[in-house]
Amino acid sequence: MLTMWHSLPVVQRGTIIIVLIAVGLANVGQPYPFLAPLQHVPTVLLALAAPWLIRRWQLSTVSVISIGLFFLVHTLGGRYIYSNVPYDEWALALTGHGLSEVFGWNRNHYDRLVHFLFGLLWTLPVCRALMARHGMTRALGLWAGFAFIGLGSALYEIFEWLLTLVAEGNTADYYNGQQGDMWDAQKDMALAQLGSLTAIIAAKLRRK
């Protein structure tokens, strides 16, 4: 593993280190210590496995940065179990107006943003990995990336459902972050696919 680590380009290693530092900072004075492991342990495990994953899937530096950005916004959300990310307070301090006040929101929408970014930031790395490792055409790789986002979103929502069957107390409710919306899972998956479609359209426009 150390050999794989040292073989990575400096920017890729730096991206992994930044993600691990972000996870560490997110757990300083952690406001939800009982839920934090559900949010952050998978990120740490993936970061530690990243040298092997990057080499296996021949990920480019741009792809690693893209995925790293996703994990940074996820880590921020994980600190506040998503439903409590204080973006209204941040916006109020900067502009004098909260986002919920400006847009008329009645729920915390940070989770919606991260689902959209999952589609936006993962589609092209998946496409490039499939092109490099399996010789897919660019067009097929893009649509395979779109399908990957759909599968990943569906598996995540199924995991959240299974968690409700085994978790004690309000743990599952806090983790799922439905905030009273019975269609939360469907909206999350739709936003992920919208993000993926946005990435595909942008990629095609850049080629024209």
N, C-alpha and C. Protein backbone atom coordinates (compact mmCIF):
# COMPACT_ATOMS: atom_id res chain seq x y z
N MET A 1 0.82 -1.21 0.00
CA MET A 1 0.00 0.00 0.00
C MET A 1 0.85 1.26 0.00
N LEU A 2 1.99 1.22 0.75
CA LEU A 2 2.88 2.38 0.78
C LEU A 2 3.46 2.66 -0.60
N THR A 3 3.78 1.58 -1.32
CA THR A 3 4.31 1.75 -2.68
C THR A 3 3.27 2.42 -3.56
N MET A 4 2.02 1.98 -3.46
CA MET A 4 0.93 2.60 -4.23
C MET A 4 0.78 4.07 -3.85
N TRP A 5 0.88 4.36 -2.54
CA TRP A 5 0.74 5.74 -2.08
C TRP A 5 1.81 6.64 -2.70
N HIS A 6 3.05 6.18 -2.66
CA HIS A 6 4.14 7.01 -3.18
C HIS A 6 4.11 7.11 -4.70
N SER A 7 3.42 6.18 -5.35
CA SER A 7 3.33 6.23 -6.81
C SER A 7 2.27 7.21 -7.30
N LEU A 8 1.42 7.69 -6.39
CA LEU A 8 0.37 8.63 -6.79
C LEU A 8 0.98 10.00 -7.06
N PRO A 9 0.41 10.74 -8.02
CA PRO A 9 0.83 12.14 -8.21
C PRO A 9 0.59 12.96 -6.95
N VAL A 10 1.36 14.02 -6.79
CA VAL A 10 1.29 14.84 -5.57
C VAL A 10 -0.11 15.39 -5.34
N VAL A 11 -0.77 15.84 -6.39
CA VAL A 11 -2.10 16.42 -6.24
C VAL A 11 -3.10 15.37 -5.74
N GLN A 12 -2.99 14.15 -6.23
CA GLN A 12 -3.88 13.09 -5.77
C GLN A 12 -3.64 12.78 -4.29
N ARG A 13 -2.38 12.69 -3.90
CA ARG A 13 -2.09 12.45 -2.49
C ARG A 13 -2.60 13.60 -1.63
N GLY A 14 -2.41 14.82 -2.13
CA GLY A 14 -2.88 15.99 -1.39
C GLY A 14 -4.38 15.98 -1.21
N THR A 15 -5.11 15.55 -2.25
CA THR A 15 -6.57 15.49 -2.16
C THR A 15 -7.01 14.51 -1.09
N ILE A 16 -6.38 13.34 -1.03
CA ILE A 16 -6.72 12.34 -0.01
C ILE A 16 -6.43 12.89 1.39
N ILE A 17 -5.29 13.54 1.54
CA ILE A 17 -4.92 14.10 2.85
C ILE A 17 -5.91 15.17 3.29
N ILE A 18 -6.32 16.03 2.35
CA ILE A 18 -7.29 17.09 2.67
C ILE A 18 -8.60 16.49 3.15
N VAL A 19 -9.05 15.42 2.49
CA VAL A 19 -10.30 14.77 2.92
C VAL A 19 -10.15 14.22 4.33
N LEU A 20 -9.03 13.56 4.62
CA LEU A 20 -8.82 13.00 5.96
C LEU A 20 -8.74 14.10 7.01
N ILE A 21 -8.09 15.22 6.68
CA ILE A 21 -8.02 16.35 7.61
C ILE A 21 -9.42 16.91 7.85
N ALA A 22 -10.21 17.01 6.78
CA ALA A 22 -11.57 17.53 6.91
C ALA A 22 -12.41 16.65 7.84
N VAL A 23 -12.25 15.33 7.72
CA VAL A 23 -12.99 14.42 8.61
C VAL A 23 -12.55 14.64 10.06
N GLY A 24 -11.25 14.81 10.25
CA GLY A 24 -10.76 15.07 11.61
C GLY A 24 -11.34 16.35 12.19
N LEU A 25 -11.33 17.43 11.40
CA LEU A 25 -11.87 18.70 11.86
C LEU A 25 -13.36 18.63 12.11
N ALA A 26 -14.06 17.84 11.28
CA ALA A 26 -15.52 17.71 11.43
C ALA A 26 -15.89 17.04 12.74
N ASN A 27 -14.95 16.36 13.36
CA ASN A 27 -15.24 15.65 14.60
C ASN A 27 -14.66 16.34 15.82
N VAL A 28 -14.15 17.55 15.63
CA VAL A 28 -13.71 18.36 16.77
C VAL A 28 -14.95 19.00 17.39
N GLY A 29 -15.21 18.70 18.64
CA GLY A 29 -16.42 19.21 19.28
C GLY A 29 -17.67 18.71 18.58
N GLN A 30 -17.65 17.48 18.13
CA GLN A 30 -18.73 16.88 17.36
C GLN A 30 -20.07 17.02 18.10
N PRO A 31 -21.07 17.70 17.49
CA PRO A 31 -22.35 17.90 18.18
C PRO A 31 -23.25 16.66 18.21
N TYR A 32 -22.95 15.66 17.36
CA TYR A 32 -23.77 14.45 17.31
C TYR A 32 -22.87 13.22 17.36
N PRO A 33 -22.19 13.01 18.49
CA PRO A 33 -21.16 11.96 18.56
C PRO A 33 -21.68 10.55 18.32
N PHE A 34 -22.94 10.28 18.63
CA PHE A 34 -23.45 8.92 18.46
C PHE A 34 -23.75 8.61 16.99
N LEU A 35 -23.97 9.65 16.19
CA LEU A 35 -24.29 9.45 14.78
C LEU A 35 -23.08 9.68 13.87
N ALA A 36 -22.06 10.33 14.39
CA ALA A 36 -20.90 10.68 13.57
C ALA A 36 -20.25 9.48 12.89
N PRO A 37 -20.08 8.33 13.57
CA PRO A 37 -19.44 7.20 12.89
C PRO A 37 -20.18 6.75 11.63
N LEU A 38 -21.50 6.80 11.63
CA LEU A 38 -22.26 6.41 10.44
C LEU A 38 -21.92 7.32 9.25
N GLN A 39 -21.61 8.56 9.54
CA GLN A 39 -21.32 9.52 8.49
C GLN A 39 -19.87 9.47 8.03
N HIS A 40 -18.95 9.29 8.97
CA HIS A 40 -17.54 9.52 8.67
C HIS A 40 -16.69 8.27 8.49
N VAL A 41 -17.05 7.17 9.14
CA VAL A 41 -16.23 5.96 9.02
C VAL A 41 -16.12 5.49 7.57
N PRO A 42 -17.23 5.43 6.78
CA PRO A 42 -17.07 5.02 5.37
C PRO A 42 -16.13 5.93 4.59
N THR A 43 -16.16 7.24 4.88
CA THR A 43 -15.26 8.17 4.18
C THR A 43 -13.81 7.86 4.49
N VAL A 44 -13.52 7.61 5.76
CA VAL A 44 -12.14 7.30 6.16
C VAL A 44 -11.68 6.00 5.51
N LEU A 45 -12.52 4.99 5.51
CA LEU A 45 -12.15 3.71 4.91
C LEU A 45 -11.87 3.86 3.41
N LEU A 46 -12.71 4.62 2.72
CA LEU A 46 -12.49 4.84 1.29
C LEU A 46 -11.22 5.65 1.04
N ALA A 47 -10.95 6.63 1.89
CA ALA A 47 -9.72 7.42 1.74
C ALA A 47 -8.49 6.55 1.95
N LEU A 48 -8.54 5.65 2.92
CA LEU A 48 -7.40 4.76 3.16
C LEU A 48 -7.21 3.77 2.02
N ALA A 49 -8.32 3.36 1.40
CA ALA A 49 -8.24 2.43 0.26
C ALA A 49 -8.00 3.15 -1.06
N ALA A 50 -8.00 4.48 -1.03
CA ALA A 50 -7.93 5.26 -2.27
C ALA A 50 -6.71 4.94 -3.14
N PRO A 51 -5.50 4.77 -2.59
CA PRO A 51 -4.37 4.46 -3.48
C PRO A 51 -4.61 3.21 -4.33
N TRP A 52 -5.17 2.17 -3.72
CA TRP A 52 -5.47 0.95 -4.47
C TRP A 52 -6.60 1.18 -5.47
N LEU A 53 -7.65 1.87 -5.06
CA LEU A 53 -8.80 2.13 -5.94
C LEU A 53 -8.39 3.00 -7.13
N ILE A 54 -7.58 4.00 -6.86
CA ILE A 54 -7.14 4.90 -7.94
C ILE A 54 -6.32 4.13 -8.97
N ARG A 55 -5.44 3.28 -8.48
CA ARG A 55 -4.60 2.50 -9.40
C ARG A 55 -5.43 1.48 -10.17
N ARG A 56 -6.35 0.81 -9.49
CA ARG A 56 -7.17 -0.22 -10.14
C ARG A 56 -8.04 0.37 -11.23
N TRP A 57 -8.64 1.54 -10.94
CA TRP A 57 -9.56 2.14 -11.90
C TRP A 57 -8.92 3.21 -12.76
N GLN A 58 -7.60 3.39 -12.62
CA GLN A 58 -6.83 4.31 -13.47
C GLN A 58 -7.46 5.71 -13.47
N LEU A 59 -7.75 6.19 -12.27
CA LEU A 59 -8.40 7.49 -12.14
C LEU A 59 -7.42 8.61 -12.41
N SER A 60 -7.85 9.59 -13.17
CA SER A 60 -7.02 10.75 -13.45
C SER A 60 -7.04 11.70 -12.26
N THR A 61 -6.13 12.66 -12.27
CA THR A 61 -6.09 13.65 -11.19
C THR A 61 -7.38 14.45 -11.14
N VAL A 62 -7.92 14.82 -12.30
CA VAL A 62 -9.18 15.56 -12.34
C VAL A 62 -10.30 14.75 -11.69
N SER A 63 -10.33 13.45 -11.97
CA SER A 63 -11.36 12.59 -11.37
C SER A 63 -11.20 12.49 -9.86
N VAL A 64 -9.96 12.37 -9.40
CA VAL A 64 -9.71 12.28 -7.96
C VAL A 64 -10.14 13.57 -7.26
N ILE A 65 -9.84 14.70 -7.88
CA ILE A 65 -10.24 15.99 -7.29
C ILE A 65 -11.76 16.09 -7.24
N SER A 66 -12.42 15.66 -8.32
CA SER A 66 -13.88 15.72 -8.38
C SER A 66 -14.51 14.89 -7.27
N ILE A 67 -14.03 13.67 -7.10
CA ILE A 67 -14.55 12.80 -6.04
C ILE A 67 -14.20 13.36 -4.66
N GLY A 68 -12.99 13.93 -4.56
CA GLY A 68 -12.57 14.54 -3.30
C GLY A 68 -13.47 15.69 -2.89
N LEU A 69 -13.88 16.51 -3.87
CA LEU A 69 -14.79 17.62 -3.58
C LEU A 69 -16.12 17.10 -3.04
N PHE A 70 -16.60 16.00 -3.63
CA PHE A 70 -17.84 15.42 -3.14
C PHE A 70 -17.70 15.00 -1.68
N PHE A 71 -16.59 14.35 -1.34
CA PHE A 71 -16.43 13.89 0.04
C PHE A 71 -16.26 15.06 1.01
N LEU A 72 -15.74 16.19 0.53
CA LEU A 72 -15.64 17.36 1.41
C LEU A 72 -17.02 17.91 1.76
N VAL A 73 -17.91 18.03 0.76
CA VAL A 73 -19.25 18.54 1.07
C VAL A 73 -20.04 17.52 1.88
N HIS A 74 -19.78 16.22 1.63
CA HIS A 74 -20.42 15.18 2.44
C HIS A 74 -19.94 15.25 3.89
N THR A 75 -18.64 15.47 4.07
CA THR A 75 -18.09 15.53 5.42
C THR A 75 -18.66 16.71 6.20
N LEU A 76 -18.84 17.85 5.54
CA LEU A 76 -19.47 18.99 6.19
C LEU A 76 -20.89 18.64 6.60
N GLY A 77 -21.64 18.01 5.71
CA GLY A 77 -22.99 17.59 6.04
C GLY A 77 -23.01 16.59 7.18
N GLY A 78 -22.04 15.67 7.17
CA GLY A 78 -21.98 14.65 8.19
C GLY A 78 -21.75 15.21 9.58
N ARG A 79 -21.03 16.31 9.67
CA ARG A 79 -20.80 16.93 10.99
C ARG A 79 -22.12 17.31 11.64
N TYR A 80 -23.06 17.78 10.82
CA TYR A 80 -24.34 18.26 11.34
C TYR A 80 -25.48 17.30 11.02
N ILE A 81 -25.17 16.02 10.77
CA ILE A 81 -26.14 15.01 10.32
C ILE A 81 -27.09 15.58 9.27
N TYR A 82 -26.52 16.40 8.40
CA TYR A 82 -27.22 16.94 7.23
C TYR A 82 -28.40 17.84 7.59
N SER A 83 -29.34 17.35 8.35
CA SER A 83 -30.57 18.10 8.62
C SER A 83 -30.33 19.38 9.41
N ASN A 84 -29.15 19.51 10.01
CA ASN A 84 -28.88 20.65 10.88
C ASN A 84 -27.69 21.50 10.41
N VAL A 85 -27.31 21.38 9.15
CA VAL A 85 -26.24 22.24 8.62
C VAL A 85 -26.72 23.69 8.74
N PRO A 86 -25.99 24.53 9.46
CA PRO A 86 -26.49 25.89 9.76
C PRO A 86 -26.22 26.91 8.65
N TYR A 87 -26.62 26.58 7.42
CA TYR A 87 -26.34 27.51 6.33
C TYR A 87 -27.13 28.81 6.46
N ASP A 88 -28.30 28.75 7.12
CA ASP A 88 -29.04 29.99 7.34
C ASP A 88 -28.27 30.95 8.22
N GLU A 89 -27.67 30.41 9.28
CA GLU A 89 -26.88 31.25 10.18
C GLU A 89 -25.67 31.82 9.45
N TRP A 90 -25.02 31.00 8.61
CA TRP A 90 -23.86 31.48 7.86
C TRP A 90 -24.27 32.59 6.88
N ALA A 91 -25.36 32.36 6.16
CA ALA A 91 -25.83 33.36 5.19
C ALA A 91 -26.26 34.64 5.91
N LEU A 92 -26.89 34.49 7.06
CA LEU A 92 -27.33 35.65 7.84
C LEU A 92 -26.14 36.49 8.29
N ALA A 93 -25.07 35.81 8.71
CA ALA A 93 -23.87 36.52 9.15
C ALA A 93 -23.19 37.26 8.00
N LEU A 94 -23.26 36.67 6.79
CA LEU A 94 -22.58 37.26 5.64
C LEU A 94 -23.41 38.33 4.94
N THR A 95 -24.72 38.10 4.84
CA THR A 95 -25.57 38.98 4.01
C THR A 95 -26.70 39.65 4.78
N GLY A 96 -26.97 39.19 5.99
CA GLY A 96 -28.09 39.74 6.73
C GLY A 96 -29.40 39.05 6.44
N HIS A 97 -29.37 38.01 5.58
CA HIS A 97 -30.58 37.27 5.23
C HIS A 97 -30.27 35.77 5.20
N GLY A 98 -31.17 34.96 5.78
CA GLY A 98 -31.02 33.51 5.70
C GLY A 98 -31.54 33.00 4.38
N LEU A 99 -30.99 31.90 3.90
CA LEU A 99 -31.42 31.33 2.62
C LEU A 99 -32.88 30.87 2.68
N SER A 100 -33.27 30.30 3.81
CA SER A 100 -34.66 29.84 3.94
C SER A 100 -35.62 31.01 3.86
N GLU A 101 -35.22 32.13 4.43
CA GLU A 101 -36.04 33.33 4.37
C GLU A 101 -36.16 33.84 2.93
N VAL A 102 -35.06 33.84 2.22
CA VAL A 102 -35.04 34.38 0.85
C VAL A 102 -35.85 33.50 -0.10
N PHE A 103 -35.67 32.17 0.02
CA PHE A 103 -36.30 31.25 -0.93
C PHE A 103 -37.60 30.62 -0.41
N GLY A 104 -37.99 30.94 0.81
CA GLY A 104 -39.22 30.40 1.35
C GLY A 104 -39.16 28.92 1.67
N TRP A 105 -37.97 28.43 2.05
CA TRP A 105 -37.81 27.01 2.37
C TRP A 105 -38.36 26.73 3.76
N ASN A 106 -38.95 25.55 3.94
CA ASN A 106 -39.41 25.14 5.26
C ASN A 106 -38.69 23.88 5.75
N ARG A 107 -37.60 23.51 5.11
CA ARG A 107 -36.76 22.39 5.55
C ARG A 107 -35.31 22.73 5.23
N ASN A 108 -34.40 21.97 5.81
CA ASN A 108 -32.98 22.14 5.50
C ASN A 108 -32.68 21.38 4.21
N HIS A 109 -32.15 22.08 3.22
CA HIS A 109 -31.95 21.49 1.89
C HIS A 109 -30.51 21.07 1.61
N TYR A 110 -29.66 21.04 2.62
CA TYR A 110 -28.26 20.67 2.35
C TYR A 110 -28.15 19.27 1.78
N ASP A 111 -29.00 18.35 2.27
CA ASP A 111 -28.94 16.98 1.75
C ASP A 111 -29.30 16.93 0.28
N ARG A 112 -30.23 17.79 -0.16
CA ARG A 112 -30.59 17.84 -1.57
C ARG A 112 -29.39 18.27 -2.41
N LEU A 113 -28.64 19.26 -1.91
CA LEU A 113 -27.45 19.73 -2.62
C LEU A 113 -26.44 18.60 -2.79
N VAL A 114 -26.22 17.81 -1.74
CA VAL A 114 -25.20 16.77 -1.81
C VAL A 114 -25.63 15.65 -2.74
N HIS A 115 -26.92 15.32 -2.77
CA HIS A 115 -27.38 14.31 -3.73
C HIS A 115 -27.18 14.80 -5.17
N PHE A 116 -27.47 16.07 -5.41
CA PHE A 116 -27.22 16.64 -6.75
C PHE A 116 -25.74 16.57 -7.09
N LEU A 117 -24.88 16.92 -6.13
CA LEU A 117 -23.44 16.91 -6.37
C LEU A 117 -22.90 15.50 -6.56
N PHE A 118 -23.55 14.51 -5.94
CA PHE A 118 -23.15 13.12 -6.19
C PHE A 118 -23.24 12.81 -7.68
N GLY A 119 -24.35 13.17 -8.29
CA GLY A 119 -24.50 12.94 -9.72
C GLY A 119 -23.55 13.80 -10.54
N LEU A 120 -23.41 15.07 -10.16
CA LEU A 120 -22.58 16.00 -10.92
C LEU A 120 -21.10 15.64 -10.87
N LEU A 121 -20.61 15.24 -9.70
CA LEU A 121 -19.17 15.07 -9.50
C LEU A 121 -18.67 13.65 -9.73
N TRP A 122 -19.57 12.67 -9.74
CA TRP A 122 -19.14 11.28 -9.92
C TRP A 122 -19.32 10.77 -11.34
N THR A 123 -20.21 11.34 -12.13
CA THR A 123 -20.53 10.77 -13.44
C THR A 123 -19.32 10.72 -14.36
N LEU A 124 -18.60 11.81 -14.50
CA LEU A 124 -17.46 11.84 -15.42
C LEU A 124 -16.30 10.97 -14.93
N PRO A 125 -15.97 10.96 -13.62
CA PRO A 125 -14.94 10.02 -13.17
C PRO A 125 -15.29 8.57 -13.47
N VAL A 126 -16.56 8.19 -13.28
CA VAL A 126 -16.96 6.82 -13.60
C VAL A 126 -16.80 6.57 -15.10
N CYS A 127 -17.22 7.53 -15.91
CA CYS A 127 -17.08 7.41 -17.36
C CYS A 127 -15.62 7.23 -17.76
N ARG A 128 -14.75 8.07 -17.22
CA ARG A 128 -13.33 8.00 -17.59
C ARG A 128 -12.69 6.70 -17.12
N ALA A 129 -13.11 6.22 -15.95
CA ALA A 129 -12.56 4.96 -15.44
C ALA A 129 -12.96 3.80 -16.33
N LEU A 130 -14.21 3.79 -16.78
CA LEU A 130 -14.67 2.71 -17.65
C LEU A 130 -14.02 2.78 -19.02
N MET A 131 -13.77 3.99 -19.51
CA MET A 131 -13.07 4.15 -20.79
C MET A 131 -11.64 3.65 -20.68
N ALA A 132 -10.97 4.00 -19.56
CA ALA A 132 -9.56 3.64 -19.40
C ALA A 132 -9.38 2.15 -19.13
N ARG A 133 -10.23 1.58 -18.29
CA ARG A 133 -10.03 0.20 -17.87
C ARG A 133 -10.70 -0.82 -18.80
N HIS A 134 -11.86 -0.45 -19.35
CA HIS A 134 -12.62 -1.42 -20.14
C HIS A 134 -12.80 -1.02 -21.60
N GLY A 135 -12.17 0.07 -22.00
CA GLY A 135 -12.20 0.46 -23.40
C GLY A 135 -13.56 0.90 -23.91
N MET A 136 -14.44 1.36 -23.03
CA MET A 136 -15.74 1.85 -23.47
C MET A 136 -15.58 3.10 -24.33
N THR A 137 -16.52 3.30 -25.23
CA THR A 137 -16.55 4.56 -25.95
C THR A 137 -16.98 5.66 -25.00
N ARG A 138 -16.71 6.89 -25.37
CA ARG A 138 -17.07 8.02 -24.49
C ARG A 138 -18.58 8.09 -24.29
N ALA A 139 -19.34 7.91 -25.37
CA ALA A 139 -20.80 8.00 -25.27
C ALA A 139 -21.35 6.92 -24.33
N LEU A 140 -20.85 5.68 -24.50
CA LEU A 140 -21.32 4.60 -23.65
C LEU A 140 -20.88 4.81 -22.22
N GLY A 141 -19.67 5.32 -22.04
CA GLY A 141 -19.17 5.58 -20.69
C GLY A 141 -20.01 6.61 -19.96
N LEU A 142 -20.45 7.65 -20.68
CA LEU A 142 -21.28 8.68 -20.06
C LEU A 142 -22.60 8.10 -19.57
N TRP A 143 -23.22 7.29 -20.39
CA TRP A 143 -24.51 6.72 -19.98
C TRP A 143 -24.34 5.63 -18.94
N ALA A 144 -23.19 4.96 -18.95
CA ALA A 144 -22.89 4.02 -17.87
C ALA A 144 -22.71 4.78 -16.56
N GLY A 145 -22.10 5.97 -16.64
CA GLY A 145 -21.97 6.81 -15.46
C GLY A 145 -23.34 7.24 -14.94
N PHE A 146 -24.23 7.57 -15.84
CA PHE A 146 -25.61 7.94 -15.48
C PHE A 146 -26.30 6.78 -14.76
N ALA A 147 -26.11 5.57 -15.30
CA ALA A 147 -26.70 4.38 -14.68
C ALA A 147 -26.08 4.10 -13.31
N PHE A 148 -24.76 4.32 -13.19
CA PHE A 148 -24.07 4.13 -11.91
C PHE A 148 -24.66 5.04 -10.84
N ILE A 149 -24.95 6.28 -11.20
CA ILE A 149 -25.53 7.22 -10.24
C ILE A 149 -26.90 6.73 -9.79
N GLY A 150 -27.71 6.22 -10.73
CA GLY A 150 -29.02 5.69 -10.37
C GLY A 150 -28.90 4.51 -9.43
N LEU A 151 -27.98 3.59 -9.73
CA LEU A 151 -27.78 2.42 -8.88
C LEU A 151 -27.26 2.83 -7.51
N GLY A 152 -26.27 3.71 -7.50
CA GLY A 152 -25.71 4.14 -6.22
C GLY A 152 -26.74 4.83 -5.35
N SER A 153 -27.57 5.67 -5.96
CA SER A 153 -28.61 6.36 -5.20
C SER A 153 -29.63 5.38 -4.65
N ALA A 154 -30.04 4.41 -5.47
CA ALA A 154 -31.03 3.43 -5.03
C ALA A 154 -30.48 2.58 -3.89
N LEU A 155 -29.22 2.14 -4.00
CA LEU A 155 -28.63 1.31 -2.95
C LEU A 155 -28.51 2.09 -1.64
N TYR A 156 -28.19 3.37 -1.75
CA TYR A 156 -28.08 4.20 -0.55
C TYR A 156 -29.43 4.34 0.14
N GLU A 157 -30.49 4.57 -0.65
CA GLU A 157 -31.82 4.71 -0.06
C GLU A 157 -32.28 3.38 0.55
N ILE A 158 -31.92 2.27 -0.06
CA ILE A 158 -32.25 0.96 0.51
C ILE A 158 -31.50 0.76 1.83
N PHE A 159 -30.23 1.19 1.87
CA PHE A 159 -29.45 1.11 3.11
C PHE A 159 -30.13 1.91 4.21
N GLU A 160 -30.61 3.12 3.88
CA GLU A 160 -31.29 3.94 4.87
C GLU A 160 -32.55 3.23 5.39
N TRP A 161 -33.26 2.58 4.49
CA TRP A 161 -34.47 1.85 4.90
C TRP A 161 -34.09 0.70 5.83
N LEU A 162 -33.06 -0.07 5.46
CA LEU A 162 -32.63 -1.19 6.30
C LEU A 162 -32.17 -0.70 7.67
N LEU A 163 -31.57 0.48 7.69
CA LEU A 163 -31.12 1.04 8.97
C LEU A 163 -32.30 1.27 9.91
N THR A 164 -33.44 1.66 9.34
CA THR A 164 -34.62 1.89 10.18
C THR A 164 -35.09 0.59 10.85
N LEU A 165 -34.73 -0.55 10.28
CA LEU A 165 -35.18 -1.83 10.83
C LEU A 165 -34.33 -2.31 11.99
N VAL A 166 -33.09 -1.80 12.07
CA VAL A 166 -32.17 -2.33 13.09
C VAL A 166 -31.71 -1.28 14.08
N ALA A 167 -31.81 0.00 13.73
CA ALA A 167 -31.30 1.05 14.61
C ALA A 167 -32.25 1.28 15.78
N GLU A 168 -31.69 1.67 16.90
CA GLU A 168 -32.49 1.92 18.09
C GLU A 168 -32.93 3.38 18.15
N GLY A 169 -34.05 3.61 18.81
CA GLY A 169 -34.52 4.97 19.06
C GLY A 169 -34.71 5.77 17.80
N ASN A 170 -34.22 7.02 17.87
CA ASN A 170 -34.38 7.95 16.75
C ASN A 170 -33.16 7.98 15.83
N THR A 171 -32.25 7.03 16.02
CA THR A 171 -31.01 7.05 15.23
C THR A 171 -31.29 7.06 13.74
N ALA A 172 -32.15 6.17 13.28
CA ALA A 172 -32.44 6.08 11.85
C ALA A 172 -33.10 7.34 11.33
N ASP A 173 -34.03 7.90 12.11
CA ASP A 173 -34.71 9.12 11.67
C ASP A 173 -33.73 10.26 11.52
N TYR A 174 -32.81 10.39 12.48
CA TYR A 174 -31.81 11.45 12.39
C TYR A 174 -30.88 11.23 11.21
N TYR A 175 -30.49 9.97 10.98
CA TYR A 175 -29.56 9.66 9.88
C TYR A 175 -30.24 9.86 8.53
N ASN A 176 -31.47 9.39 8.40
CA ASN A 176 -32.19 9.50 7.12
C ASN A 176 -32.48 10.93 6.74
N GLY A 177 -32.79 11.76 7.70
CA GLY A 177 -33.01 13.17 7.43
C GLY A 177 -34.20 13.45 6.54
N GLN A 178 -35.28 12.69 6.68
CA GLN A 178 -36.45 12.91 5.83
C GLN A 178 -37.15 14.21 6.15
N GLN A 179 -37.03 14.66 7.37
CA GLN A 179 -37.63 15.92 7.81
C GLN A 179 -39.13 15.99 7.48
N GLY A 180 -39.79 14.86 7.65
CA GLY A 180 -41.24 14.83 7.45
C GLY A 180 -41.71 14.69 6.02
N ASP A 181 -40.79 14.52 5.07
CA ASP A 181 -41.16 14.42 3.66
C ASP A 181 -41.25 12.95 3.26
N MET A 182 -42.45 12.47 2.98
CA MET A 182 -42.62 11.06 2.63
C MET A 182 -42.00 10.72 1.28
N TRP A 183 -41.74 11.72 0.45
CA TRP A 183 -41.14 11.48 -0.86
C TRP A 183 -39.65 11.84 -0.88
N ASP A 184 -39.04 11.88 0.29
CA ASP A 184 -37.64 12.30 0.39
C ASP A 184 -36.72 11.43 -0.46
N ALA A 185 -36.87 10.10 -0.39
CA ALA A 185 -35.98 9.20 -1.13
C ALA A 185 -36.10 9.43 -2.63
N GLN A 186 -37.33 9.58 -3.12
CA GLN A 186 -37.53 9.78 -4.56
C GLN A 186 -36.93 11.12 -5.02
N LYS A 187 -37.09 12.15 -4.22
CA LYS A 187 -36.52 13.45 -4.57
C LYS A 187 -35.00 13.40 -4.56
N ASP A 188 -34.43 12.71 -3.58
CA ASP A 188 -32.97 12.59 -3.52
C ASP A 188 -32.43 11.88 -4.77
N MET A 189 -33.08 10.79 -5.16
CA MET A 189 -32.62 10.05 -6.34
C MET A 189 -32.79 10.88 -7.61
N ALA A 190 -33.89 11.62 -7.69
CA ALA A 190 -34.13 12.46 -8.86
C ALA A 190 -33.07 13.54 -8.97
N LEU A 191 -32.69 14.14 -7.86
CA LEU A 191 -31.67 15.19 -7.89
C LEU A 191 -30.30 14.63 -8.27
N ALA A 192 -30.00 13.42 -7.82
CA ALA A 192 -28.74 12.79 -8.21
C ALA A 192 -28.71 12.56 -9.72
N GLN A 193 -29.83 12.09 -10.28
CA GLN A 193 -29.89 11.88 -11.73
C GLN A 193 -29.83 13.20 -12.49
N LEU A 194 -30.44 14.25 -11.92
CA LEU A 194 -30.35 15.56 -12.55
C LEU A 194 -28.91 16.06 -12.56
N GLY A 195 -28.20 15.85 -11.46
CA GLY A 195 -26.79 16.23 -11.42
C GLY A 195 -25.98 15.46 -12.45
N SER A 196 -26.27 14.16 -12.60
CA SER A 196 -25.57 13.33 -13.58
C SER A 196 -25.86 13.82 -14.99
N LEU A 197 -27.12 14.12 -15.25
CA LEU A 197 -27.50 14.60 -16.58
C LEU A 197 -26.84 15.94 -16.88
N THR A 198 -26.73 16.79 -15.87
CA THR A 198 -26.05 18.07 -16.04
C THR A 198 -24.59 17.86 -16.42
N ALA A 199 -23.93 16.91 -15.77
CA ALA A 199 -22.53 16.61 -16.09
C ALA A 199 -22.39 16.09 -17.51
N ILE A 200 -23.33 15.25 -17.94
CA ILE A 200 -23.28 14.70 -19.29
C ILE A 200 -23.48 15.79 -20.32
N ILE A 201 -24.45 16.66 -20.11
CA ILE A 201 -24.72 17.76 -21.04
C ILE A 201 -23.51 18.68 -21.13
N ALA A 202 -22.92 19.01 -19.97
CA ALA A 202 -21.73 19.87 -19.96
C ALA A 202 -20.58 19.23 -20.71
N ALA A 203 -20.40 17.90 -20.54
CA ALA A 203 -19.32 17.20 -21.22
C ALA A 203 -19.53 17.22 -22.73
N LYS A 204 -20.78 17.04 -23.16
CA LYS A 204 -21.06 17.05 -24.59
C LYS A 204 -20.89 18.45 -25.18
N LEU A 205 -21.28 19.49 -24.43
CA LEU A 205 -21.14 20.85 -24.92
C LEU A 205 -19.68 21.24 -25.08
N ARG A 206 -18.83 20.71 -24.17
CA ARG A 206 -17.40 21.04 -24.26
C ARG A 206 -16.76 20.45 -25.51
N ARG A 207 -17.36 19.39 -26.03
CA ARG A 207 -16.82 18.75 -27.23
C ARG A 207 -17.25 19.45 -28.52
N LYS A 208 -18.25 20.34 -28.44
CA LYS A 208 -18.75 21.02 -29.65
C LYS A 208 -17.92 22.24 -29.98
